[in-house]
Amino acid sequence: MTKIPEELNYAKSHEWVSVHDGTAIVGITDHAQSELTDIVYVELPEVGRTYASGEQCAVVESVKTASDIYAPLGGEVIAVNDDLGATPGLVNEDPYKSGWFFKLKLSGEPDLSDLLNASSYSSEIGEG
């Protein structure tokens, strides 16, 4: 059974986002990492770069394939998870904690209307 934390929001492209005080933490879902299998490389966005919601901003590579990662909300990248450079497998081990990808300083009030809650995401991936 896929882990889908209730407190997060989800993009249909399989990113999760946690929003607190104008900052969003972004990663990929447990479902996405299990579909990718063993993750061997993560290309993170550049700190200081601004992305629009839905814009491609990172890449994750596994033994099977490479997959684009999209910004679920618009904002400026203020931090990246440098641990993923040396240990990309953290995404497989703990996608919602130590396997996060980047943090965004949101541009204005976040519009969560295009994102899914845990129940909707579960249905989206065929588990609901």
Protein backbone atom coordinates (compact mmCIF):
# COMPACT_ATOMS: atom_id res chain seq x y z
CA MET A 1 0.00 0.00 0.00
CA THR A 2 1.34 3.40 -1.01
CA LYS A 3 1.93 5.99 1.72
CA ILE A 4 -0.13 9.14 1.09
CA PRO A 5 0.16 11.57 4.04
CA GLU A 6 -3.11 13.40 4.72
CA GLU A 7 -1.45 16.76 5.51
CA LEU A 8 0.13 17.19 2.06
CA ASN A 9 -1.21 18.32 -1.30
CA TYR A 10 -0.42 16.45 -4.52
CA ALA A 11 0.04 17.29 -8.20
CA LYS A 12 -1.27 14.91 -10.86
CA SER A 13 2.37 14.74 -12.03
CA HIS A 14 3.18 13.01 -8.69
CA GLU A 15 4.88 15.78 -6.73
CA TRP A 16 3.86 16.42 -3.14
CA VAL A 17 3.91 19.85 -1.51
CA SER A 18 3.79 21.02 2.09
CA VAL A 19 2.96 24.72 2.56
CA HIS A 20 3.80 26.63 5.75
CA ASP A 21 4.13 30.40 6.21
CA GLY A 22 4.75 31.25 2.56
CA THR A 23 7.22 28.42 1.97
CA ALA A 24 6.56 25.19 0.10
CA ILE A 25 8.60 22.01 0.47
CA VAL A 26 8.43 19.80 -2.64
CA GLY A 27 9.26 16.17 -3.34
CA ILE A 28 7.92 13.20 -5.26
CA THR A 29 5.33 10.82 -3.91
CA ASP A 30 5.84 7.32 -2.59
CA HIS A 31 3.89 6.09 -5.62
CA ALA A 32 6.26 7.92 -8.01
CA GLN A 33 9.43 6.61 -6.37
CA SER A 34 8.11 3.03 -6.39
CA GLU A 35 7.21 3.31 -10.09
CA LEU A 36 10.70 4.66 -10.86
CA THR A 37 12.39 1.95 -8.75
CA ASP A 38 16.03 2.56 -7.73
CA ILE A 39 16.78 6.27 -8.02
CA VAL A 40 20.40 6.87 -9.03
CA TYR A 41 20.52 10.64 -9.71
CA VAL A 42 18.54 13.78 -8.93
CA GLU A 43 19.11 17.03 -10.83
CA LEU A 44 17.84 19.78 -8.54
CA PRO A 45 16.81 23.30 -9.54
CA GLU A 46 19.14 26.24 -9.05
CA VAL A 47 18.70 28.26 -5.84
CA GLY A 48 17.45 31.73 -6.71
CA ARG A 49 15.61 30.63 -9.84
CA THR A 50 11.89 31.39 -10.06
CA TYR A 51 9.41 28.90 -11.49
CA ALA A 52 5.78 29.16 -12.50
CA SER A 53 3.33 26.56 -11.31
CA GLY A 54 3.58 23.52 -13.59
CA GLU A 55 7.01 24.46 -14.96
CA GLN A 56 9.62 21.69 -15.31
CA CYS A 57 12.30 22.38 -12.71
CA ALA A 58 14.18 19.17 -11.84
CA VAL A 59 14.93 15.67 -13.11
CA VAL A 60 15.04 12.33 -11.34
CA GLU A 61 16.81 9.36 -12.90
CA SER A 62 16.37 5.74 -11.96
CA VAL A 63 17.81 2.50 -13.29
CA LYS A 64 14.68 2.33 -15.50
CA THR A 65 14.08 5.86 -16.78
CA ALA A 66 14.43 9.62 -16.31
CA SER A 67 11.46 11.71 -15.28
CA ASP A 68 10.85 15.46 -15.18
CA ILE A 69 9.79 17.09 -11.92
CA TYR A 70 7.42 20.06 -12.05
CA ALA A 71 6.89 22.95 -9.64
CA PRO A 72 3.47 22.34 -8.07
CA LEU A 73 3.27 26.03 -7.10
CA GLY A 74 4.98 29.16 -8.37
CA GLY A 75 7.88 30.69 -6.46
CA GLU A 76 11.60 31.17 -5.97
CA VAL A 77 13.84 28.23 -5.06
CA ILE A 78 15.35 29.09 -1.67
CA ALA A 79 16.90 25.72 -0.78
CA VAL A 80 17.65 22.33 -2.30
CA ASN A 81 18.27 19.00 -0.59
CA ASP A 82 22.04 18.67 -1.12
CA ASP A 83 21.96 15.21 0.50
CA LEU A 84 20.37 13.86 -2.68
CA GLY A 85 23.58 14.53 -4.62
CA ALA A 86 25.52 11.93 -2.64
CA THR A 87 22.56 9.75 -1.65
CA PRO A 88 19.76 9.88 -4.27
CA GLY A 89 18.32 6.68 -2.77
CA LEU A 90 16.91 8.80 0.08
CA VAL A 91 14.00 9.44 -2.27
CA ASN A 92 13.26 5.68 -2.31
CA GLU A 93 13.81 5.25 1.43
CA ASP A 94 11.84 8.24 2.73
CA PRO A 95 10.18 10.34 -0.01
CA TYR A 96 8.26 12.55 2.43
CA LYS A 97 11.02 13.41 4.92
CA SER A 98 14.73 13.02 4.07
CA GLY A 99 13.96 12.60 0.34
CA TRP A 100 12.49 16.09 -0.24
CA PHE A 101 13.79 17.93 -3.35
CA PHE A 102 13.56 21.72 -2.89
CA LYS A 103 11.90 24.60 -1.05
CA LEU A 104 10.07 27.47 -2.70
CA LYS A 105 9.39 30.94 -1.37
CA LEU A 106 5.88 31.32 -2.74
CA SER A 107 4.95 34.31 -4.85
CA GLY A 108 1.82 35.52 -3.10
CA GLU A 109 -0.96 33.44 -1.60
CA PRO A 110 -0.65 29.84 -2.82
CA ASP A 111 -3.38 28.63 -5.17
CA LEU A 112 -3.94 25.04 -4.09
CA SER A 113 -7.00 24.59 -6.32
CA ASP A 114 -5.07 22.63 -8.98
CA LEU A 115 -3.63 20.28 -6.36
CA LEU A 116 -5.21 17.12 -4.97
CA ASN A 117 -5.81 16.16 -1.35
CA ALA A 118 -4.69 12.72 -0.13
CA SER A 119 -8.03 11.08 -0.93
CA SER A 120 -8.17 12.49 -4.47
CA TYR A 121 -4.54 11.55 -5.13
CA SER A 122 -5.24 8.01 -3.91
CA SER A 123 -8.08 7.79 -6.45
CA GLU A 124 -5.85 9.31 -9.15
CA ILE A 125 -3.31 6.50 -8.78
CA GLY A 126 -5.98 3.82 -8.60
CA GLU A 127 -5.85 3.12 -4.87
CA GLY A 128 -8.95 4.98 -3.77
